Every structure is written in structure tokens, then in C-alpha cells.
Amino acid sequence: MSGEEEESKDKGLKLLWILDVQNTPCSREAVLHGAGGSLAAGLLHFLATSRVKRSIDVGFAGFMLTTLGSWLYCRVNHAKSRVQKRMIQTGLKNKIMYEGTVLDPTNKPQEETPSGRS
């Protein structure tokens, strides 16, 4: 039983046998936004013009544009967060490495106090 569950987890859900929706970041949200965009665009166009074929075409175009726009927006934000995460990790690594040494930027050098004797 557990072997079947592992195979189903590794398989994932593929959209059009190409895009693995479960494992690709932002793909699930982009497809859901695209479905909503296509429904809204097609329905609004049909209510405005009563042309069925043209409304289907507008709905398909709405799906493509909304999916692509949502996916690009999400991927850009995902890339920014990865860069920020990498910067934080290197900063923490440097802090751990240089903590307590002369090269520690948070360690202020002590100024020599002049003695009272001349």
C-alpha cells in the first residue's frame, strides 16, 4: 500500500502532460487565476455581444493572458524572495564565522585612554 502512495506522490498532477502543477512553484495559482479570468472574460463578452464563438475565443485569450500574467508576477516575487533568503543566509554565515574576531564589524575597537602621567 505504501509503495502505491509513493508512486502517486512522485507522479504529481500534470497539466497537458507537460507542466507538473503540484511541484512547479506558482503554477497552481496561475492556472486557477487563468480559469477565473477566462470565465469572466468569456461571460462578459457573451453578455455584451451574444456571439458564442467569439466569446469562446475571448475566454481562451483571457485564460492565456491571465495565466501568463499571474505566473510571471508570482515567479518574479518568488525569485526576489530566494535572493533575499540567500542574502540572509550568507549574512548569518558571515556573522557566525567572524563573531568574536578582529574582523567582526559589530565589535568596536576600544580607544586607548590617555594616562594621567606625563
PDB file of N, CA and C in Angstrom:
ATOM      1  N   MET A   1       0.817  -1.192   0.000  1.00  0.00           N
ATOM      2  CA  MET A   1       0.000   0.000   0.000  1.00  0.00           C
ATOM      3  C   MET A   1       0.862   1.258   0.000  1.00  0.00           C
ATOM      4  N   SER A   2       1.948   1.268   0.779  1.00  0.00           N
ATOM      5  CA  SER A   2       2.773   2.469   0.833  1.00  0.00           C
ATOM      6  C   SER A   2       3.536   2.668  -0.474  1.00  0.00           C
ATOM      7  N   GLY A   3       3.829   1.598  -1.206  1.00  0.00           N
ATOM      8  CA  GLY A   3       4.502   1.724  -2.495  1.00  0.00           C
ATOM      9  C   GLY A   3       3.637   2.452  -3.507  1.00  0.00           C
ATOM     10  N   GLU A   4       2.333   2.189  -3.469  1.00  0.00           N
ATOM     11  CA  GLU A   4       1.417   2.874  -4.377  1.00  0.00           C
ATOM     12  C   GLU A   4       1.300   4.346  -4.032  1.00  0.00           C
ATOM     13  N   GLU A   5       1.315   4.663  -2.734  1.00  0.00           N
ATOM     14  CA  GLU A   5       1.213   6.053  -2.314  1.00  0.00           C
ATOM     15  C   GLU A   5       2.459   6.830  -2.722  1.00  0.00           C
ATOM     16  N   GLU A   6       3.635   6.220  -2.626  1.00  0.00           N
ATOM     17  CA  GLU A   6       4.869   6.891  -3.018  1.00  0.00           C
ATOM     18  C   GLU A   6       4.893   7.161  -4.517  1.00  0.00           C
ATOM     19  N   GLU A   7       4.388   6.201  -5.313  1.00  0.00           N
ATOM     20  CA  GLU A   7       4.342   6.405  -6.760  1.00  0.00           C
ATOM     21  C   GLU A   7       3.408   7.538  -7.126  1.00  0.00           C
ATOM     22  N   SER A   8       2.268   7.630  -6.440  1.00  0.00           N
ATOM     23  CA  SER A   8       1.322   8.706  -6.747  1.00  0.00           C
ATOM     24  C   SER A   8       1.886  10.060  -6.317  1.00  0.00           C
ATOM     25  N   LYS A   9       2.679  10.107  -5.234  1.00  0.00           N
ATOM     26  CA  LYS A   9       3.285  11.366  -4.811  1.00  0.00           C
ATOM     27  C   LYS A   9       4.366  11.804  -5.793  1.00  0.00           C
ATOM     28  N   ASP A  10       5.155  10.846  -6.299  1.00  0.00           N
ATOM     29  CA  ASP A  10       6.207  11.180  -7.247  1.00  0.00           C
ATOM     30  C   ASP A  10       5.634  11.591  -8.592  1.00  0.00           C
ATOM     31  N   LYS A  11       4.499  11.024  -8.943  1.00  0.00           N
ATOM     32  CA  LYS A  11       3.890  11.298 -10.248  1.00  0.00           C
ATOM     33  C   LYS A  11       3.400  12.732 -10.347  1.00  0.00           C
ATOM     34  N   GLY A  12       2.683  13.205  -9.348  1.00  0.00           N
ATOM     35  CA  GLY A  12       2.162  14.570  -9.370  1.00  0.00           C
ATOM     36  C   GLY A  12       1.006  14.708 -10.350  1.00  0.00           C
ATOM     37  N   LEU A  13       0.497  15.901 -10.466  1.00  0.00           N
ATOM     38  CA  LEU A  13      -0.588  16.202 -11.387  1.00  0.00           C
ATOM     39  C   LEU A  13      -0.017  16.996 -12.546  1.00  0.00           C
ATOM     40  N   LYS A  14      -0.100  16.440 -13.729  1.00  0.00           N
ATOM     41  CA  LYS A  14       0.467  17.124 -14.896  1.00  0.00           C
ATOM     42  C   LYS A  14      -0.663  17.727 -15.725  1.00  0.00           C
ATOM     43  N   LEU A  15      -0.462  18.955 -16.114  1.00  0.00           N
ATOM     44  CA  LEU A  15      -1.421  19.660 -16.952  1.00  0.00           C
ATOM     45  C   LEU A  15      -0.960  19.548 -18.391  1.00  0.00           C
ATOM     46  N   LEU A  16      -1.776  18.990 -19.233  1.00  0.00           N
ATOM     47  CA  LEU A  16      -1.448  18.738 -20.646  1.00  0.00           C
ATOM     48  C   LEU A  16      -0.184  17.885 -20.780  1.00  0.00           C
ATOM     49  N   TRP A  17       0.061  17.022 -19.825  1.00  0.00           N
ATOM     50  CA  TRP A  17       1.184  16.082 -19.799  1.00  0.00           C
ATOM     51  C   TRP A  17       2.539  16.774 -19.855  1.00  0.00           C
ATOM     52  N   ILE A  18       2.578  18.059 -19.565  1.00  0.00           N
ATOM     53  CA  ILE A  18       3.830  18.816 -19.640  1.00  0.00           C
ATOM     54  C   ILE A  18       4.158  19.441 -18.295  1.00  0.00           C
ATOM     55  N   LEU A  19       3.264  20.233 -17.781  1.00  0.00           N
ATOM     56  CA  LEU A  19       3.516  21.050 -16.600  1.00  0.00           C
ATOM     57  C   LEU A  19       3.080  20.304 -15.344  1.00  0.00           C
ATOM     58  N   ASP A  20       4.022  20.042 -14.453  1.00  0.00           N
ATOM     59  CA  ASP A  20       3.718  19.397 -13.187  1.00  0.00           C
ATOM     60  C   ASP A  20       3.196  20.468 -12.227  1.00  0.00           C
ATOM     61  N   VAL A  21       1.895  20.512 -12.058  1.00  0.00           N
ATOM     62  CA  VAL A  21       1.246  21.592 -11.326  1.00  0.00           C
ATOM     63  C   VAL A  21       1.583  21.550  -9.835  1.00  0.00           C
ATOM     64  N   GLN A  22       1.751  20.359  -9.262  1.00  0.00           N
ATOM     65  CA  GLN A  22       1.990  20.261  -7.823  1.00  0.00           C
ATOM     66  C   GLN A  22       3.408  20.641  -7.446  1.00  0.00           C
ATOM     67  N   ASN A  23       4.382  20.394  -8.297  1.00  0.00           N
ATOM     68  CA  ASN A  23       5.775  20.611  -7.928  1.00  0.00           C
ATOM     69  C   ASN A  23       6.382  21.882  -8.507  1.00  0.00           C
ATOM     70  N   THR A  24       5.753  22.504  -9.475  1.00  0.00           N
ATOM     71  CA  THR A  24       6.274  23.733 -10.055  1.00  0.00           C
ATOM     72  C   THR A  24       5.732  24.920  -9.261  1.00  0.00           C
ATOM     73  N   PRO A  25       6.627  25.773  -8.729  1.00  0.00           N
ATOM     74  CA  PRO A  25       6.137  26.917  -7.951  1.00  0.00           C
ATOM     75  C   PRO A  25       5.274  27.847  -8.805  1.00  0.00           C
ATOM     76  N   CYS A  26       4.212  28.324  -8.244  1.00  0.00           N
ATOM     77  CA  CYS A  26       3.303  29.312  -8.845  1.00  0.00           C
ATOM     78  C   CYS A  26       2.395  28.755  -9.936  1.00  0.00           C
ATOM     79  N   SER A  27       2.564  27.526 -10.359  1.00  0.00           N
ATOM     80  CA  SER A  27       1.762  27.044 -11.485  1.00  0.00           C
ATOM     81  C   SER A  27       0.307  26.804 -11.087  1.00  0.00           C
ATOM     82  N   ARG A  28       0.075  26.282  -9.893  1.00  0.00           N
ATOM     83  CA  ARG A  28      -1.296  26.008  -9.467  1.00  0.00           C
ATOM     84  C   ARG A  28      -2.101  27.296  -9.376  1.00  0.00           C
ATOM     85  N   GLU A  29      -1.531  28.303  -8.730  1.00  0.00           N
ATOM     86  CA  GLU A  29      -2.228  29.574  -8.579  1.00  0.00           C
ATOM     87  C   GLU A  29      -2.460  30.235  -9.935  1.00  0.00           C
ATOM     88  N   ALA A  30      -1.475  30.120 -10.825  1.00  0.00           N
ATOM     89  CA  ALA A  30      -1.609  30.742 -12.139  1.00  0.00           C
ATOM     90  C   ALA A  30      -2.731  30.087 -12.949  1.00  0.00           C
ATOM     91  N   VAL A  31      -2.830  28.765 -12.881  1.00  0.00           N
ATOM     92  CA  VAL A  31      -3.899  28.075 -13.617  1.00  0.00           C
ATOM     93  C   VAL A  31      -5.265  28.419 -13.038  1.00  0.00           C
ATOM     94  N   LEU A  32      -5.354  28.514 -11.705  1.00  0.00           N
ATOM     95  CA  LEU A  32      -6.634  28.885 -11.089  1.00  0.00           C
ATOM     96  C   LEU A  32      -7.026  30.321 -11.440  1.00  0.00           C
ATOM     97  N   HIS A  33      -6.046  31.232 -11.424  1.00  0.00           N
ATOM     98  CA  HIS A  33      -6.348  32.609 -11.831  1.00  0.00           C
ATOM     99  C   HIS A  33      -6.753  32.659 -13.303  1.00  0.00           C
ATOM    100  N   GLY A  34      -6.087  31.862 -14.130  1.00  0.00           N
ATOM    101  CA  GLY A  34      -6.431  31.821 -15.554  1.00  0.00           C
ATOM    102  C   GLY A  34      -7.837  31.312 -15.795  1.00  0.00           C
ATOM    103  N   ALA A  35      -8.251  30.306 -15.018  1.00  0.00           N
ATOM    104  CA  ALA A  35      -9.608  29.776 -15.174  1.00  0.00           C
ATOM    105  C   ALA A  35     -10.640  30.840 -14.809  1.00  0.00           C
ATOM    106  N   GLY A  36     -10.384  31.552 -13.735  1.00  0.00           N
ATOM    107  CA  GLY A  36     -11.303  32.631 -13.351  1.00  0.00           C
ATOM    108  C   GLY A  36     -11.316  33.762 -14.359  1.00  0.00           C
ATOM    109  N   GLY A  37     -10.137  34.105 -14.877  1.00  0.00           N
ATOM    110  CA  GLY A  37     -10.052  35.166 -15.891  1.00  0.00           C
ATOM    111  C   GLY A  37     -10.752  34.789 -17.179  1.00  0.00           C
ATOM    112  N   SER A  38     -10.621  33.521 -17.580  1.00  0.00           N
ATOM    113  CA  SER A  38     -11.283  33.097 -18.815  1.00  0.00           C
ATOM    114  C   SER A  38     -12.794  33.098 -18.647  1.00  0.00           C
ATOM    115  N   LEU A  39     -13.254  32.648 -17.493  1.00  0.00           N
ATOM    116  CA  LEU A  39     -14.696  32.638 -17.241  1.00  0.00           C
ATOM    117  C   LEU A  39     -15.253  34.057 -17.253  1.00  0.00           C
ATOM    118  N   ALA A  40     -14.569  34.961 -16.579  1.00  0.00           N
ATOM    119  CA  ALA A  40     -15.040  36.347 -16.523  1.00  0.00           C
ATOM    120  C   ALA A  40     -15.009  37.008 -17.898  1.00  0.00           C
ATOM    121  N   ALA A  41     -13.903  36.835 -18.636  1.00  0.00           N
ATOM    122  CA  ALA A  41     -13.780  37.482 -19.942  1.00  0.00           C
ATOM    123  C   ALA A  41     -14.805  36.927 -20.931  1.00  0.00           C
ATOM    124  N   GLY A  42     -14.929  35.604 -20.976  1.00  0.00           N
ATOM    125  CA  GLY A  42     -15.880  34.992 -21.908  1.00  0.00           C
ATOM    126  C   GLY A  42     -17.317  35.333 -21.585  1.00  0.00           C
ATOM    127  N   LEU A  43     -17.666  35.295 -20.320  1.00  0.00           N
ATOM    128  CA  LEU A  43     -19.039  35.585 -19.915  1.00  0.00           C
ATOM    129  C   LEU A  43     -19.391  37.048 -20.157  1.00  0.00           C
ATOM    130  N   LEU A  44     -18.482  37.940 -19.799  1.00  0.00           N
ATOM    131  CA  LEU A  44     -18.757  39.359 -20.038  1.00  0.00           C
ATOM    132  C   LEU A  44     -18.867  39.668 -21.533  1.00  0.00           C
ATOM    133  N   HIS A  45     -18.019  39.048 -22.345  1.00  0.00           N
ATOM    134  CA  HIS A  45     -18.098  39.281 -23.785  1.00  0.00           C
ATOM    135  C   HIS A  45     -19.397  38.714 -24.355  1.00  0.00           C
ATOM    136  N   PHE A  46     -19.816  37.547 -23.847  1.00  0.00           N
ATOM    137  CA  PHE A  46     -21.068  36.965 -24.327  1.00  0.00           C
ATOM    138  C   PHE A  46     -22.261  37.827 -23.929  1.00  0.00           C
ATOM    139  N   LEU A  47     -22.252  38.340 -22.704  1.00  0.00           N
ATOM    140  CA  LEU A  47     -23.363  39.189 -22.272  1.00  0.00           C
ATOM    141  C   LEU A  47     -23.405  40.499 -23.056  1.00  0.00           C
ATOM    142  N   ALA A  48     -22.237  40.971 -23.488  1.00  0.00           N
ATOM    143  CA  ALA A  48     -22.201  42.235 -24.227  1.00  0.00           C
ATOM    144  C   ALA A  48     -22.569  42.057 -25.694  1.00  0.00           C
ATOM    145  N   THR A  49     -22.164  40.934 -26.331  1.00  0.00           N
ATOM    146  CA  THR A  49     -22.335  40.806 -27.781  1.00  0.00           C
ATOM    147  C   THR A  49     -23.253  39.667 -28.215  1.00  0.00           C
ATOM    148  N   SER A  50     -23.479  38.669 -27.379  1.00  0.00           N
ATOM    149  CA  SER A  50     -24.273  37.468 -27.683  1.00  0.00           C
ATOM    150  C   SER A  50     -23.680  36.657 -28.829  1.00  0.00           C
ATOM    151  N   ARG A  51     -22.396  36.750 -29.053  1.00  0.00           N
ATOM    152  CA  ARG A  51     -21.712  35.917 -30.043  1.00  0.00           C
ATOM    153  C   ARG A  51     -21.002  34.786 -29.300  1.00  0.00           C
ATOM    154  N   VAL A  52     -21.403  33.554 -29.604  1.00  0.00           N
ATOM    155  CA  VAL A  52     -20.892  32.412 -28.857  1.00  0.00           C
ATOM    156  C   VAL A  52     -19.444  32.114 -29.230  1.00  0.00           C
ATOM    157  N   LYS A  53     -19.163  31.972 -30.524  1.00  0.00           N
ATOM    158  CA  LYS A  53     -17.810  31.592 -30.931  1.00  0.00           C
ATOM    159  C   LYS A  53     -16.786  32.656 -30.548  1.00  0.00           C
ATOM    160  N   ARG A  54     -17.120  33.894 -30.762  1.00  0.00           N
ATOM    161  CA  ARG A  54     -16.198  34.975 -30.400  1.00  0.00           C
ATOM    162  C   ARG A  54     -16.000  35.009 -28.892  1.00  0.00           C
ATOM    163  N   SER A  55     -17.040  34.732 -28.104  1.00  0.00           N
ATOM    164  CA  SER A  55     -16.923  34.724 -26.649  1.00  0.00           C
ATOM    165  C   SER A  55     -16.010  33.600 -26.174  1.00  0.00           C
ATOM    166  N   ILE A  56     -16.064  32.440 -26.846  1.00  0.00           N
ATOM    167  CA  ILE A  56     -15.154  31.347 -26.508  1.00  0.00           C
ATOM    168  C   ILE A  56     -13.717  31.749 -26.813  1.00  0.00           C
ATOM    169  N   ASP A  57     -13.516  32.403 -27.952  1.00  0.00           N
ATOM    170  CA  ASP A  57     -12.174  32.873 -28.302  1.00  0.00           C
ATOM    171  C   ASP A  57     -11.660  33.902 -27.284  1.00  0.00           C
ATOM    172  N   VAL A  58     -12.519  34.812 -26.871  1.00  0.00           N
ATOM    173  CA  VAL A  58     -12.131  35.812 -25.877  1.00  0.00           C
ATOM    174  C   VAL A  58     -11.839  35.132 -24.536  1.00  0.00           C
ATOM    175  N   GLY A  59     -12.641  34.137 -24.199  1.00  0.00           N
ATOM    176  CA  GLY A  59     -12.400  33.397 -22.959  1.00  0.00           C
ATOM    177  C   GLY A  59     -11.065  32.666 -22.989  1.00  0.00           C
ATOM    178  N   PHE A  60     -10.732  32.061 -24.119  1.00  0.00           N
ATOM    179  CA  PHE A  60      -9.450  31.374 -24.245  1.00  0.00           C
ATOM    180  C   PHE A  60      -8.290  32.373 -24.171  1.00  0.00           C
ATOM    181  N   ALA A  61      -8.445  33.496 -24.828  1.00  0.00           N
ATOM    182  CA  ALA A  61      -7.403  34.529 -24.764  1.00  0.00           C
ATOM    183  C   ALA A  61      -7.278  35.058 -23.329  1.00  0.00           C
ATOM    184  N   GLY A  62      -8.407  35.207 -22.656  1.00  0.00           N
ATOM    185  CA  GLY A  62      -8.373  35.644 -21.259  1.00  0.00           C
ATOM    186  C   GLY A  62      -7.667  34.635 -20.374  1.00  0.00           C
ATOM    187  N   PHE A  63      -7.868  33.343 -20.654  1.00  0.00           N
ATOM    188  CA  PHE A  63      -7.172  32.315 -19.897  1.00  0.00           C
ATOM    189  C   PHE A  63      -5.666  32.405 -20.113  1.00  0.00           C
ATOM    190  N   MET A  64      -5.260  32.526 -21.360  1.00  0.00           N
ATOM    191  CA  MET A  64      -3.829  32.574 -21.669  1.00  0.00           C
ATOM    192  C   MET A  64      -3.174  33.815 -21.045  1.00  0.00           C
ATOM    193  N   LEU A  65      -3.789  34.962 -21.209  1.00  0.00           N
ATOM    194  CA  LEU A  65      -3.201  36.199 -20.688  1.00  0.00           C
ATOM    195  C   LEU A  65      -3.174  36.231 -19.161  1.00  0.00           C
ATOM    196  N   THR A  66      -4.268  35.809 -18.544  1.00  0.00           N
ATOM    197  CA  THR A  66      -4.334  35.828 -17.089  1.00  0.00           C
ATOM    198  C   THR A  66      -3.367  34.818 -16.489  1.00  0.00           C
ATOM    199  N   THR A  67      -3.293  33.633 -17.085  1.00  0.00           N
ATOM    200  CA  THR A  67      -2.366  32.618 -16.586  1.00  0.00           C
ATOM    201  C   THR A  67      -0.931  33.087 -16.722  1.00  0.00           C
ATOM    202  N   LEU A  68      -0.582  33.599 -17.881  1.00  0.00           N
ATOM    203  CA  LEU A  68       0.784  34.054 -18.112  1.00  0.00           C
ATOM    204  C   LEU A  68       1.143  35.228 -17.202  1.00  0.00           C
ATOM    205  N   GLY A  69       0.242  36.197 -17.084  1.00  0.00           N
ATOM    206  CA  GLY A  69       0.497  37.346 -16.222  1.00  0.00           C
ATOM    207  C   GLY A  69       0.640  36.953 -14.763  1.00  0.00           C
ATOM    208  N   SER A  70      -0.231  36.092 -14.289  1.00  0.00           N
ATOM    209  CA  SER A  70      -0.181  35.658 -12.903  1.00  0.00           C
ATOM    210  C   SER A  70       1.077  34.839 -12.633  1.00  0.00           C
ATOM    211  N   TRP A  71       1.456  33.990 -13.570  1.00  0.00           N
ATOM    212  CA  TRP A  71       2.643  33.160 -13.392  1.00  0.00           C
ATOM    213  C   TRP A  71       3.913  34.016 -13.382  1.00  0.00           C
ATOM    214  N   LEU A  72       3.998  34.989 -14.290  1.00  0.00           N
ATOM    215  CA  LEU A  72       5.177  35.852 -14.325  1.00  0.00           C
ATOM    216  C   LEU A  72       5.290  36.693 -13.050  1.00  0.00           C
ATOM    217  N   TYR A  73       4.189  37.245 -12.597  1.00  0.00           N
ATOM    218  CA  TYR A  73       4.188  38.044 -11.369  1.00  0.00           C
ATOM    219  C   TYR A  73       4.645  37.199 -10.177  1.00  0.00           C
ATOM    220  N   CYS A  74       4.106  35.997 -10.075  1.00  0.00           N
ATOM    221  CA  CYS A  74       4.456  35.117  -8.960  1.00  0.00           C
ATOM    222  C   CYS A  74       5.913  34.679  -9.046  1.00  0.00           C
ATOM    223  N   ARG A  75       6.408  34.376 -10.251  1.00  0.00           N
ATOM    224  CA  ARG A  75       7.799  33.938 -10.396  1.00  0.00           C
ATOM    225  C   ARG A  75       8.777  35.056 -10.058  1.00  0.00           C
ATOM    226  N   VAL A  76       8.446  36.281 -10.426  1.00  0.00           N
ATOM    227  CA  VAL A  76       9.320  37.411 -10.082  1.00  0.00           C
ATOM    228  C   VAL A  76       9.393  37.567  -8.563  1.00  0.00           C
ATOM    229  N   ASN A  77       8.252  37.501  -7.894  1.00  0.00           N
ATOM    230  CA  ASN A  77       8.243  37.603  -6.434  1.00  0.00           C
ATOM    231  C   ASN A  77       8.956  36.417  -5.790  1.00  0.00           C
ATOM    232  N   HIS A  78       8.808  35.232  -6.378  1.00  0.00           N
ATOM    233  CA  HIS A  78       9.490  34.042  -5.877  1.00  0.00           C
ATOM    234  C   HIS A  78      11.004  34.198  -6.007  1.00  0.00           C
ATOM    235  N   ALA A  79      11.461  34.743  -7.133  1.00  0.00           N
ATOM    236  CA  ALA A  79      12.895  34.961  -7.339  1.00  0.00           C
ATOM    237  C   ALA A  79      13.432  36.005  -6.360  1.00  0.00           C
ATOM    238  N   LYS A  80      12.666  37.068  -6.121  1.00  0.00           N
ATOM    239  CA  LYS A  80      13.091  38.088  -5.152  1.00  0.00           C
ATOM    240  C   LYS A  80      13.225  37.496  -3.759  1.00  0.00           C
ATOM    241  N   SER A  81      12.279  36.664  -3.368  1.00  0.00           N
ATOM    242  CA  SER A  81      12.343  36.067  -2.031  1.00  0.00           C
ATOM    243  C   SER A  81      13.511  35.092  -1.922  1.00  0.00           C
ATOM    244  N   ARG A  82      13.838  34.385  -3.009  1.00  0.00           N
ATOM    245  CA  ARG A  82      15.005  33.495  -2.973  1.00  0.00           C
ATOM    246  C   ARG A  82      16.297  34.284  -2.822  1.00  0.00           C
ATOM    247  N   VAL A  83      16.400  35.432  -3.503  1.00  0.00           N
ATOM    248  CA  VAL A  83      17.594  36.271  -3.385  1.00  0.00           C
ATOM    249  C   VAL A  83      17.712  36.807  -1.960  1.00  0.00           C
ATOM    250  N   GLN A  84      16.601  37.264  -1.390  1.00  0.00           N
ATOM    251  CA  GLN A  84      16.620  37.758  -0.013  1.00  0.00           C
ATOM    252  C   GLN A  84      17.008  36.647   0.959  1.00  0.00           C
ATOM    253  N   LYS A  85      16.491  35.457   0.733  1.00  0.00           N
ATOM    254  CA  LYS A  85      16.820  34.320   1.586  1.00  0.00           C
ATOM    255  C   LYS A  85      18.311  34.000   1.500  1.00  0.00           C
ATOM    256  N   ARG A  86      18.872  34.026   0.302  1.00  0.00           N
ATOM    257  CA  ARG A  86      20.294  33.749   0.118  1.00  0.00           C
ATOM    258  C   ARG A  86      21.141  34.821   0.802  1.00  0.00           C
ATOM    259  N   MET A  87      20.735  36.089   0.699  1.00  0.00           N
ATOM    260  CA  MET A  87      21.476  37.170   1.351  1.00  0.00           C
ATOM    261  C   MET A  87      21.452  37.011   2.871  1.00  0.00           C
ATOM    262  N   ILE A  88      20.309  36.648   3.435  1.00  0.00           N
ATOM    263  CA  ILE A  88      20.203  36.453   4.868  1.00  0.00           C
ATOM    264  C   ILE A  88      21.059  35.279   5.310  1.00  0.00           C
ATOM    265  N   GLN A  89      21.051  34.189   4.528  1.00  0.00           N
ATOM    266  CA  GLN A  89      21.855  33.031   4.887  1.00  0.00           C
ATOM    267  C   GLN A  89      23.346  33.353   4.865  1.00  0.00           C
ATOM    268  N   THR A  90      23.810  34.077   3.852  1.00  0.00           N
ATOM    269  CA  THR A  90      25.234  34.421   3.808  1.00  0.00           C
ATOM    270  C   THR A  90      25.591  35.399   4.930  1.00  0.00           C
ATOM    271  N   GLY A  91      24.697  36.318   5.255  1.00  0.00           N
ATOM    272  CA  GLY A  91      24.943  37.239   6.353  1.00  0.00           C
ATOM    273  C   GLY A  91      25.057  36.516   7.684  1.00  0.00           C
ATOM    274  N   LEU A  92      24.157  35.557   7.912  1.00  0.00           N
ATOM    275  CA  LEU A  92      24.229  34.784   9.150  1.00  0.00           C
ATOM    276  C   LEU A  92      25.494  33.925   9.190  1.00  0.00           C
ATOM    277  N   LYS A  93      25.857  33.358   8.048  1.00  0.00           N
ATOM    278  CA  LYS A  93      27.075  32.557   7.990  1.00  0.00           C
ATOM    279  C   LYS A  93      28.302  33.412   8.291  1.00  0.00           C
ATOM    280  N   ASN A  94      28.362  34.620   7.730  1.00  0.00           N
ATOM    281  CA  ASN A  94      29.487  35.521   7.990  1.00  0.00           C
ATOM    282  C   ASN A  94      29.497  35.972   9.452  1.00  0.00           C
ATOM    283  N   LYS A  95      28.330  36.215  10.008  1.00  0.00           N
ATOM    284  CA  LYS A  95      28.262  36.630  11.418  1.00  0.00           C
ATOM    285  C   LYS A  95      28.799  35.532  12.315  1.00  0.00           C
ATOM    286  N   ILE A  96      28.418  34.300  12.038  1.00  0.00           N
ATOM    287  CA  ILE A  96      28.895  33.179  12.843  1.00  0.00           C
ATOM    288  C   ILE A  96      30.407  33.003  12.667  1.00  0.00           C
ATOM    289  N   MET A  97      30.882  33.167  11.437  1.00  0.00           N
ATOM    290  CA  MET A  97      32.292  32.955  11.162  1.00  0.00           C
ATOM    291  C   MET A  97      33.176  34.035  11.802  1.00  0.00           C
ATOM    292  N   TYR A  98      32.751  35.295  11.742  1.00  0.00           N
ATOM    293  CA  TYR A  98      33.585  36.391  12.208  1.00  0.00           C
ATOM    294  C   TYR A  98      33.287  36.842  13.633  1.00  0.00           C
ATOM    295  N   GLU A  99      32.315  36.218  14.287  1.00  0.00           N
ATOM    296  CA  GLU A  99      31.932  36.651  15.625  1.00  0.00           C
ATOM    297  C   GLU A  99      33.078  36.423  16.609  1.00  0.00           C
ATOM    298  N   GLY A 100      33.448  37.477  17.327  1.00  0.00           N
ATOM    299  CA  GLY A 100      34.493  37.390  18.325  1.00  0.00           C
ATOM    300  C   GLY A 100      35.899  37.582  17.779  1.00  0.00           C
ATOM    301  N   THR A 101      36.042  37.845  16.490  1.00  0.00           N
ATOM    302  CA  THR A 101      37.364  38.058  15.915  1.00  0.00           C
ATOM    303  C   THR A 101      37.588  39.550  15.698  1.00  0.00           C
ATOM    304  N   VAL A 102      38.773  39.870  15.224  1.00  0.00           N
ATOM    305  CA  VAL A 102      39.102  41.268  14.929  1.00  0.00           C
ATOM    306  C   VAL A 102      38.294  41.765  13.734  1.00  0.00           C
ATOM    307  N   LEU A 103      37.920  40.852  12.838  1.00  0.00           N
ATOM    308  CA  LEU A 103      37.187  41.241  11.633  1.00  0.00           C
ATOM    309  C   LEU A 103      35.699  41.434  11.863  1.00  0.00           C
ATOM    310  N   ASP A 104      35.227  41.225  13.082  1.00  0.00           N
ATOM    311  CA  ASP A 104      33.805  41.368  13.393  1.00  0.00           C
ATOM    312  C   ASP A 104      33.396  42.835  13.269  1.00  0.00           C
ATOM    313  N   PRO A 105      32.470  43.167  12.351  1.00  0.00           N
ATOM    314  CA  PRO A 105      32.093  44.574  12.176  1.00  0.00           C
ATOM    315  C   PRO A 105      31.304  45.133  13.361  1.00  0.00           C
ATOM    316  N   THR A 106      30.683  44.283  14.155  1.00  0.00           N
ATOM    317  CA  THR A 106      29.931  44.793  15.302  1.00  0.00           C
ATOM    318  C   THR A 106      30.833  45.029  16.498  1.00  0.00           C
ATOM    319  N   ASN A 107      32.047  44.506  16.468  1.00  0.00           N
ATOM    320  CA  ASN A 107      32.994  44.684  17.562  1.00  0.00           C
ATOM    321  C   ASN A 107      33.718  46.009  17.371  1.00  0.00           C
ATOM    322  N   LYS A 108      33.410  46.979  18.198  1.00  0.00           N
ATOM    323  CA  LYS A 108      34.030  48.295  18.073  1.00  0.00           C
ATOM    324  C   LYS A 108      35.399  48.262  18.743  1.00  0.00           C
ATOM    325  N   PRO A 109      36.419  48.799  18.065  1.00  0.00           N
ATOM    326  CA  PRO A 109      37.749  48.818  18.700  1.00  0.00           C
ATOM    327  C   PRO A 109      37.745  49.790  19.866  1.00  0.00           C
ATOM    328  N   GLN A 110      38.414  49.399  20.926  1.00  0.00           N
ATOM    329  CA  GLN A 110      38.480  50.253  22.104  1.00  0.00           C
ATOM    330  C   GLN A 110      39.584  51.296  21.920  1.00  0.00           C
ATOM    331  N   GLU A 111      39.231  52.523  22.182  1.00  0.00           N
ATOM    332  CA  GLU A 111      40.198  53.596  22.042  1.00  0.00           C
ATOM    333  C   GLU A 111      41.133  53.582  23.261  1.00  0.00           C
ATOM    334  N   GLU A 112      42.389  53.917  22.999  1.00  0.00           N
ATOM    335  CA  GLU A 112      43.344  53.966  24.096  1.00  0.00           C
ATOM    336  C   GLU A 112      43.061  55.211  24.934  1.00  0.00           C
ATOM    337  N   THR A 113      42.937  55.001  26.209  1.00  0.00           N
ATOM    338  CA  THR A 113      42.696  56.142  27.094  1.00  0.00           C
ATOM    339  C   THR A 113      44.042  56.735  27.508  1.00  0.00           C
ATOM    340  N   PRO A 114      44.181  58.032  27.396  1.00  0.00           N
ATOM    341  CA  PRO A 114      45.459  58.626  27.791  1.00  0.00           C
ATOM    342  C   PRO A 114      45.625  58.536  29.299  1.00  0.00           C
ATOM    343  N   SER A 115      46.798  58.169  29.700  1.00  0.00           N
ATOM    344  CA  SER A 115      47.067  58.058  31.133  1.00  0.00           C
ATOM    345  C   SER A 115      47.344  59.441  31.719  1.00  0.00           C
ATOM    346  N   GLY A 116      47.192  59.589  32.986  1.00  0.00           N
ATOM    347  CA  GLY A 116      47.367  60.862  33.641  1.00  0.00           C
ATOM    348  C   GLY A 116      48.833  61.248  33.796  1.00  0.00           C
ATOM    349  N   ARG A 117      49.740  60.338  33.549  1.00  0.00           N
ATOM    350  CA  ARG A 117      51.174  60.634  33.726  1.00  0.00           C
ATOM    351  C   ARG A 117      51.754  61.225  32.470  1.00  0.00           C
ATOM    352  N   SER A 118      52.649  62.173  32.651  1.00  0.00           N
ATOM    353  CA  SER A 118      53.328  62.776  31.512  1.00  0.00           C
ATOM    354  C   SER A 118      54.805  62.594  31.637  1.00  0.00           C
TER     355      SER A 118
END
